[in-house]
Amino acid sequence: YILVGQKDDYLLPHKSYVSSLKYLKKNSKKNELIFVWPEGAEYTFFAKKRSEITHFWQNVGAVDCIQKMQKQRNHHCQESHLNSIKNSKADYFIDMSFSTRSDLHKYGGMKAFPMIKEFLKKNYTNLGNFKAATIWKKNKK
């Protein structure tokens, strides 16, 4: 298979993905699911993991949400993104919002979504920042 991404991912993963992909390969189980946000088709492919979601390009919606929140402080668009994460059965949440390969980094990445960040802090463990990705592992209940 050859996967051609929208930003020059061809036969190998982008170099900013490599350290987090190695971490997942070494530390995750084969059957564990991932949720890559805000965009993750190429990352999911190179991770060789099953995605818990089928819509890989949430970047446009996230940027649109930030712009709405900038105009109207109490705008509720953040809740739809949060609900996607809450309803997810993914074992790992991969935050790509600070990656320069995502438009979301121009708006502060995850910092622009305090509700999501708070949810992750309460329900996931931050396993580290790996250049383009922050990996969160869902806490066991």
Protein backbone atom coordinates (compact mmCIF):
# COMPACT_ATOMS: atom_id res chain seq x y z
CA TYR A 1 0.00 0.00 0.00
CA ILE A 2 1.06 3.58 -0.64
CA LEU A 3 -0.59 6.24 1.47
CA VAL A 4 -0.30 9.74 0.12
CA GLY A 5 -1.28 12.29 2.75
CA GLN A 6 -2.29 15.88 2.33
CA LYS A 7 1.04 17.16 3.66
CA ASP A 8 3.76 15.05 2.03
CA ASP A 9 3.47 11.78 3.96
CA TYR A 10 4.39 9.10 1.48
CA LEU A 11 6.12 5.83 2.30
CA LEU A 12 7.50 6.82 5.69
CA PRO A 13 5.96 8.72 8.60
CA HIS A 14 6.83 12.36 9.02
CA LYS A 15 9.94 12.72 11.19
CA SER A 16 7.94 14.57 13.87
CA TYR A 17 5.78 11.43 14.33
CA VAL A 18 8.60 8.91 14.77
CA SER A 19 9.26 9.18 18.53
CA SER A 20 5.58 8.88 19.48
CA LEU A 21 5.03 6.03 17.03
CA LYS A 22 7.97 4.17 18.55
CA TYR A 23 6.55 4.76 22.03
CA LEU A 24 3.14 3.37 21.05
CA LYS A 25 4.70 0.36 19.36
CA LYS A 26 6.77 -0.46 22.43
CA ASN A 27 4.18 0.31 25.14
CA SER A 28 0.74 -0.46 23.74
CA LYS A 29 -1.03 -3.74 23.13
CA LYS A 30 -1.93 -4.76 19.60
CA ASN A 31 -5.70 -4.66 20.22
CA GLU A 32 -5.74 -1.23 21.92
CA LEU A 33 -7.58 1.57 20.11
CA ILE A 34 -6.41 5.12 19.47
CA PHE A 35 -8.19 8.44 19.00
CA VAL A 36 -5.98 10.91 17.14
CA TRP A 37 -7.11 14.55 17.37
CA PRO A 38 -7.57 16.91 15.51
CA GLU A 39 -6.37 15.07 12.41
CA GLY A 40 -4.93 11.64 12.29
CA ALA A 41 -5.36 9.55 9.13
CA GLU A 42 -1.63 9.36 8.38
CA TYR A 43 -0.67 8.96 12.03
CA THR A 44 -3.18 6.14 12.52
CA PHE A 45 -1.91 4.38 9.41
CA PHE A 46 1.72 4.52 10.53
CA ALA A 47 0.82 3.56 14.12
CA LYS A 48 -0.66 0.33 12.76
CA LYS A 49 -3.44 0.67 15.33
CA ARG A 50 -7.18 0.62 14.94
CA SER A 51 -8.82 3.99 15.29
CA GLU A 52 -11.80 4.35 17.56
CA ILE A 53 -13.20 7.03 15.27
CA THR A 54 -13.96 7.04 11.57
CA HIS A 55 -13.74 10.81 10.98
CA PHE A 56 -10.03 11.64 10.84
CA TRP A 57 -10.04 15.32 9.88
CA GLN A 58 -11.54 17.28 12.77
CA ASN A 59 -9.05 20.10 12.31
CA VAL A 60 -11.38 22.34 10.30
CA GLY A 61 -14.19 21.98 12.84
CA ALA A 62 -11.79 22.66 15.72
CA VAL A 63 -10.43 25.83 14.11
CA ASP A 64 -13.99 26.96 13.31
CA CYS A 65 -14.92 26.35 16.95
CA ILE A 66 -12.01 28.46 18.21
CA GLN A 67 -13.02 31.32 15.91
CA LYS A 68 -16.61 31.10 17.21
CA MET A 69 -15.39 31.11 20.83
CA GLN A 70 -13.25 34.18 20.11
CA LYS A 71 -16.35 36.05 18.91
CA GLN A 72 -18.73 34.75 21.58
CA ARG A 73 -17.12 33.73 24.88
CA ASN A 74 -19.82 31.27 25.95
CA HIS A 75 -20.14 29.48 22.60
CA HIS A 76 -20.88 25.78 23.12
CA CYS A 77 -19.09 24.28 20.10
CA GLN A 78 -16.33 22.90 22.34
CA GLU A 79 -18.87 20.48 23.84
CA SER A 80 -19.34 18.53 20.60
CA HIS A 81 -15.60 17.83 20.43
CA LEU A 82 -15.60 16.90 24.11
CA ASN A 83 -18.55 14.53 23.65
CA SER A 84 -16.68 12.71 20.87
CA ILE A 85 -13.85 12.06 23.31
CA LYS A 86 -16.15 11.18 26.22
CA ASN A 87 -18.02 8.64 24.10
CA SER A 88 -14.82 7.13 22.78
CA LYS A 89 -13.70 3.66 23.78
CA ALA A 90 -10.11 4.46 22.78
CA ASP A 91 -7.32 3.33 25.06
CA TYR A 92 -5.09 6.19 23.92
CA PHE A 93 -5.87 9.80 23.04
CA ILE A 94 -3.20 11.27 20.77
CA ASP A 95 -3.20 15.08 20.82
CA MET A 96 -1.69 16.41 17.60
CA SER A 97 -2.97 19.96 18.12
CA PHE A 98 0.50 21.44 18.72
CA SER A 99 1.95 19.85 15.61
CA THR A 100 2.93 22.36 12.95
CA ARG A 101 1.32 19.89 10.56
CA SER A 102 -2.07 20.93 12.01
CA ASP A 103 -3.61 24.38 11.60
CA LEU A 104 -4.78 24.19 15.20
CA HIS A 105 -1.29 24.98 16.53
CA LYS A 106 -1.71 28.56 15.24
CA TYR A 107 -4.51 29.00 17.79
CA GLY A 108 -2.70 27.51 20.78
CA GLY A 109 -3.57 23.87 20.20
CA MET A 110 -5.25 22.14 23.12
CA LYS A 111 -4.96 25.33 25.24
CA ALA A 112 -7.88 26.68 23.22
CA PHE A 113 -10.06 23.83 24.54
CA PRO A 114 -10.01 24.06 28.35
CA MET A 115 -12.98 21.70 28.79
CA ILE A 116 -11.24 18.97 26.80
CA LYS A 117 -7.96 19.53 28.58
CA GLU A 118 -9.67 19.26 31.97
CA PHE A 119 -11.47 16.07 30.92
CA LEU A 120 -8.19 14.51 29.80
CA LYS A 121 -6.47 15.44 33.07
CA LYS A 122 -9.24 13.73 35.08
CA ASN A 123 -9.70 10.62 32.94
CA TYR A 124 -6.35 9.97 31.26
CA THR A 125 -2.68 9.88 32.23
CA ASN A 126 -0.31 12.07 30.24
CA LEU A 127 2.45 9.73 29.06
CA GLY A 128 4.53 12.49 27.54
CA ASN A 129 5.10 14.93 24.74
CA PHE A 130 6.76 13.51 21.65
CA LYS A 131 7.46 16.40 19.26
CA ALA A 132 4.22 16.42 17.24
CA ALA A 133 2.12 14.40 19.68
CA THR A 134 1.10 14.23 23.31
CA ILE A 135 0.04 10.72 24.27
CA TRP A 136 -2.66 10.20 26.91
CA LYS A 137 -3.61 6.75 28.26
CA LYS A 138 -7.15 6.20 29.54
CA ASN A 139 -7.25 5.51 33.27
CA LYS A 140 -8.63 2.16 34.37
CA LYS A 141 -11.87 2.42 36.31
